[in-house]
C-alpha cells in the first residue's frame, strides 16, 4: 500500500505544517512556501514610524 503524505493547498509541496488565517478557512501556505521574518526588522510592522 502506498503511503500518502500531506501536501500544501497553496504550493502543492509535501509538508509537515500548514498555516491559515486565524478564524477563517483561508490557507496561507506551508513551511516550504512561506518565510518567517522577525517583526523587529520589518518596516510594515511599524506603520506609525513613517
PDB file of N, CA and C in Angstrom:
ATOM      1  N   UNK A   1       0.844  -1.188   0.000  1.00  0.00           N
ATOM      2  CA  UNK A   1       0.000   0.000   0.000  1.00  0.00           C
ATOM      3  C   UNK A   1       0.890   1.252   0.000  1.00  0.00           C
ATOM      4  N   UNK A   2       0.588   2.198  -0.863  1.00  0.00           N
ATOM      5  CA  UNK A   2       1.358   3.436  -0.996  1.00  0.00           C
ATOM      6  C   UNK A   2       1.035   4.382   0.159  1.00  0.00           C
ATOM      7  N   UNK A   3       2.106   4.953   0.774  1.00  0.00           N
ATOM      8  CA  UNK A   3       1.911   5.921   1.835  1.00  0.00           C
ATOM      9  C   UNK A   3       1.514   7.261   1.239  1.00  0.00           C
ATOM     10  N   UNK A   4       0.562   7.927   1.862  1.00  0.00           N
ATOM     11  CA  UNK A   4       0.090   9.229   1.396  1.00  0.00           C
ATOM     12  C   UNK A   4       0.580  10.297   2.374  1.00  0.00           C
ATOM     13  N   UNK A   5       1.209  11.336   1.851  1.00  0.00           N
ATOM     14  CA  UNK A   5       1.713  12.429   2.667  1.00  0.00           C
ATOM     15  C   UNK A   5       0.874  13.678   2.426  1.00  0.00           C
ATOM     16  N   UNK A   6       0.810  14.571   3.440  1.00  0.00           N
ATOM     17  CA  UNK A   6       0.055  15.813   3.249  1.00  0.00           C
ATOM     18  C   UNK A   6       0.775  16.742   2.276  1.00  0.00           C
ATOM     19  N   UNK A   7      -0.003  17.481   1.522  1.00  0.00           N
ATOM     20  CA  UNK A   7       0.522  18.463   0.566  1.00  0.00           C
ATOM     21  C   UNK A   7      -0.110  19.819   0.850  1.00  0.00           C
ATOM     22  N   UNK A   8       0.668  20.862   0.687  1.00  0.00           N
ATOM     23  CA  UNK A   8       0.201  22.232   0.900  1.00  0.00           C
ATOM     24  C   UNK A   8      -0.872  22.582  -0.130  1.00  0.00           C
ATOM     25  N   UNK A   9      -1.995  23.154   0.318  1.00  0.00           N
ATOM     26  CA  UNK A   9      -3.043  23.559  -0.619  1.00  0.00           C
ATOM     27  C   UNK A   9      -2.659  24.775  -1.464  1.00  0.00           C
ATOM     28  N   UNK A  10      -1.561  25.451  -1.118  1.00  0.00           N
ATOM     29  CA  UNK A  10      -1.125  26.636  -1.860  1.00  0.00           C
ATOM     30  C   UNK A  10      -0.067  26.284  -2.901  1.00  0.00           C
ATOM     31  N   UNK A  11       1.034  25.628  -2.473  1.00  0.00           N
ATOM     32  CA  UNK A  11       2.136  25.351  -3.402  1.00  0.00           C
ATOM     33  C   UNK A  11       2.159  23.913  -3.913  1.00  0.00           C
ATOM     34  N   UNK A  12       1.444  23.014  -3.254  1.00  0.00           N
ATOM     35  CA  UNK A  12       1.371  21.630  -3.696  1.00  0.00           C
ATOM     36  C   UNK A  12       2.506  20.735  -3.222  1.00  0.00           C
ATOM     37  N   UNK A  13       3.484  21.282  -2.497  1.00  0.00           N
ATOM     38  CA  UNK A  13       4.618  20.503  -1.994  1.00  0.00           C
ATOM     39  C   UNK A  13       4.219  19.684  -0.772  1.00  0.00           C
ATOM     40  N   UNK A  14       4.926  18.546  -0.563  1.00  0.00           N
ATOM     41  CA  UNK A  14       4.733  17.791   0.668  1.00  0.00           C
ATOM     42  C   UNK A  14       5.133  18.685   1.832  1.00  0.00           C
ATOM     43  N   UNK A  15       4.408  18.591   2.939  1.00  0.00           N
ATOM     44  CA  UNK A  15       4.706  19.458   4.069  1.00  0.00           C
ATOM     45  C   UNK A  15       4.325  18.805   5.389  1.00  0.00           C
ATOM     46  N   UNK A  16       4.839  19.377   6.449  1.00  0.00           N
ATOM     47  CA  UNK A  16       4.518  18.943   7.807  1.00  0.00           C
ATOM     48  C   UNK A  16       3.513  19.886   8.461  1.00  0.00           C
ATOM     49  N   UNK A  17       3.589  21.172   8.125  1.00  0.00           N
ATOM     50  CA  UNK A  17       2.720  22.189   8.733  1.00  0.00           C
ATOM     51  C   UNK A  17       2.120  23.086   7.657  1.00  0.00           C
ATOM     52  N   UNK A  18       0.866  23.460   7.845  1.00  0.00           N
ATOM     53  CA  UNK A  18       0.245  24.480   7.004  1.00  0.00           C
ATOM     54  C   UNK A  18      -0.211  25.600   7.920  1.00  0.00           C
ATOM     55  N   UNK A  19      -0.276  26.799   7.383  1.00  0.00           N
ATOM     56  CA  UNK A  19      -0.657  27.971   8.155  1.00  0.00           C
ATOM     57  C   UNK A  19      -1.918  28.563   7.551  1.00  0.00           C
ATOM     58  N   UNK A  20      -2.867  28.898   8.437  1.00  0.00           N
ATOM     59  CA  UNK A  20      -4.104  29.503   7.954  1.00  0.00           C
ATOM     60  C   UNK A  20      -4.388  30.763   8.748  1.00  0.00           C
ATOM     61  N   UNK A  21      -5.150  31.628   8.130  1.00  0.00           N
ATOM     62  CA  UNK A  21      -5.540  32.877   8.768  1.00  0.00           C
ATOM     63  C   UNK A  21      -6.465  32.558   9.941  1.00  0.00           C
ATOM     64  N   UNK A  22      -6.193  33.131  11.100  1.00  0.00           N
ATOM     65  CA  UNK A  22      -6.982  32.867  12.303  1.00  0.00           C
ATOM     66  C   UNK A  22      -8.463  33.138  12.082  1.00  0.00           C
ATOM     67  N   UNK A  23      -9.270  32.207  12.539  1.00  0.00           N
ATOM     68  CA  UNK A  23     -10.714  32.372  12.473  1.00  0.00           C
ATOM     69  C   UNK A  23     -11.318  32.164  11.093  1.00  0.00           C
ATOM     70  N   UNK A  24     -10.511  31.740  10.120  1.00  0.00           N
ATOM     71  CA  UNK A  24     -11.030  31.516   8.767  1.00  0.00           C
ATOM     72  C   UNK A  24     -10.546  30.160   8.251  1.00  0.00           C
ATOM     73  N   UNK A  25     -10.990  29.793   7.086  1.00  0.00           N
ATOM     74  CA  UNK A  25     -10.528  28.588   6.406  1.00  0.00           C
ATOM     75  C   UNK A  25      -9.571  28.954   5.264  1.00  0.00           C
ATOM     76  N   UNK A  26      -8.964  30.133   5.342  1.00  0.00           N
ATOM     77  CA  UNK A  26      -8.038  30.598   4.311  1.00  0.00           C
ATOM     78  C   UNK A  26      -6.619  30.141   4.641  1.00  0.00           C
ATOM     79  N   UNK A  27      -6.074  29.260   3.795  1.00  0.00           N
ATOM     80  CA  UNK A  27      -4.713  28.764   3.994  1.00  0.00           C
ATOM     81  C   UNK A  27      -3.721  29.696   3.318  1.00  0.00           C
ATOM     82  N   UNK A  28      -2.655  30.034   4.040  1.00  0.00           N
ATOM     83  CA  UNK A  28      -1.654  30.972   3.557  1.00  0.00           C
ATOM     84  C   UNK A  28      -0.455  30.268   2.941  1.00  0.00           C
ATOM     85  N   UNK A  29      -0.182  29.027   3.346  1.00  0.00           N
ATOM     86  CA  UNK A  29       0.936  28.271   2.809  1.00  0.00           C
ATOM     87  C   UNK A  29       1.506  27.319   3.834  1.00  0.00           C
ATOM     88  N   UNK A  30       2.740  26.859   3.570  1.00  0.00           N
ATOM     89  CA  UNK A  30       3.399  25.882   4.436  1.00  0.00           C
ATOM     90  C   UNK A  30       4.841  26.301   4.690  1.00  0.00           C
ATOM     91  N   UNK A  31       5.588  25.437   5.365  1.00  0.00           N
ATOM     92  CA  UNK A  31       6.992  25.750   5.652  1.00  0.00           C
ATOM     93  C   UNK A  31       7.844  25.808   4.392  1.00  0.00           C
ATOM     94  N   UNK A  32       7.349  25.313   3.276  1.00  0.00           N
ATOM     95  CA  UNK A  32       8.099  25.355   2.024  1.00  0.00           C
ATOM     96  C   UNK A  32       7.885  26.652   1.242  1.00  0.00           C
ATOM     97  N   UNK A  33       6.718  27.254   1.349  1.00  0.00           N
ATOM     98  CA  UNK A  33       6.425  28.414   0.504  1.00  0.00           C
ATOM     99  C   UNK A  33       6.258  29.721   1.280  1.00  0.00           C
ATOM    100  N   UNK A  34       6.424  29.678   2.607  1.00  0.00           N
ATOM    101  CA  UNK A  34       6.375  30.895   3.416  1.00  0.00           C
ATOM    102  C   UNK A  34       7.704  31.083   4.115  1.00  0.00           C
ATOM    103  N   UNK A  35       8.081  32.322   4.358  1.00  0.00           N
ATOM    104  CA  UNK A  35       9.296  32.640   5.099  1.00  0.00           C
ATOM    105  C   UNK A  35       8.921  33.362   6.378  1.00  0.00           C
ATOM    106  N   UNK A  36       9.586  33.001   7.457  1.00  0.00           N
ATOM    107  CA  UNK A  36       9.396  33.701   8.723  1.00  0.00           C
ATOM    108  C   UNK A  36      10.317  34.910   8.744  1.00  0.00           C
ATOM    109  N   UNK A  37       9.805  36.021   9.238  1.00  0.00           N
ATOM    110  CA  UNK A  37      10.610  37.243   9.329  1.00  0.00           C
ATOM    111  C   UNK A  37      10.448  37.815  10.719  1.00  0.00           C
ATOM    112  N   UNK A  38      11.510  38.331  11.276  1.00  0.00           N
ATOM    113  CA  UNK A  38      11.486  38.964  12.584  1.00  0.00           C
ATOM    114  C   UNK A  38      10.732  40.292  12.457  1.00  0.00           C
ATOM    115  N   UNK A  39       9.684  40.457  13.235  1.00  0.00           N
ATOM    116  CA  UNK A  39       8.860  41.668  13.158  1.00  0.00           C
ATOM    117  C   UNK A  39       9.661  42.930  13.450  1.00  0.00           C
ATOM    118  N   UNK A  40      10.722  42.813  14.249  1.00  0.00           N
ATOM    119  CA  UNK A  40      11.559  43.970  14.564  1.00  0.00           C
ATOM    120  C   UNK A  40      12.338  44.462  13.353  1.00  0.00           C
ATOM    121  N   UNK A  41      12.478  43.624  12.350  1.00  0.00           N
ATOM    122  CA  UNK A  41      13.213  44.005  11.133  1.00  0.00           C
ATOM    123  C   UNK A  41      12.287  44.300   9.964  1.00  0.00           C
ATOM    124  N   UNK A  42      10.997  44.405  10.208  1.00  0.00           N
ATOM    125  CA  UNK A  42      10.009  44.576   9.145  1.00  0.00           C
ATOM    126  C   UNK A  42       9.350  45.959   9.271  1.00  0.00           C
ATOM    127  N   UNK A  43       9.639  46.836   8.320  1.00  0.00           N
ATOM    128  CA  UNK A  43       9.094  48.200   8.360  1.00  0.00           C
ATOM    129  C   UNK A  43       7.564  48.220   8.372  1.00  0.00           C
ATOM    130  N   UNK A  44       6.936  47.244   7.710  1.00  0.00           N
ATOM    131  CA  UNK A  44       5.472  47.202   7.642  1.00  0.00           C
ATOM    132  C   UNK A  44       4.842  46.971   9.018  1.00  0.00           C
ATOM    133  N   UNK A  45       5.621  46.493   9.961  1.00  0.00           N
ATOM    134  CA  UNK A  45       5.101  46.252  11.314  1.00  0.00           C
ATOM    135  C   UNK A  45       5.128  47.509  12.184  1.00  0.00           C
ATOM    136  N   UNK A  46       5.649  48.601  11.634  1.00  0.00           N
ATOM    137  CA  UNK A  46       5.726  49.878  12.358  1.00  0.00           C
ATOM    138  C   UNK A  46       5.086  50.974  11.502  1.00  0.00           C
ATOM    139  N   UNK A  47       3.759  50.908  11.301  1.00  0.00           N
ATOM    140  CA  UNK A  47       3.103  51.859  10.406  1.00  0.00           C
ATOM    141  C   UNK A  47       3.147  53.315  10.874  1.00  0.00           C
ATOM    142  N   UNK A  48       3.330  53.563  12.171  1.00  0.00           N
ATOM    143  CA  UNK A  48       3.354  54.933  12.684  1.00  0.00           C
ATOM    144  C   UNK A  48       4.713  55.602  12.567  1.00  0.00           C
ATOM    145  N   UNK A  49       5.734  54.865  12.122  1.00  0.00           N
ATOM    146  CA  UNK A  49       7.084  55.395  12.006  1.00  0.00           C
ATOM    147  C   UNK A  49       7.396  55.940  10.621  1.00  0.00           C
ATOM    148  N   UNK A  50       6.434  56.446   9.930  1.00  0.00           N
ATOM    149  CA  UNK A  50       6.642  56.911   8.558  1.00  0.00           C
ATOM    150  C   UNK A  50       7.333  58.237   8.479  1.00  0.00           C
TER     151      UNK A  50
END
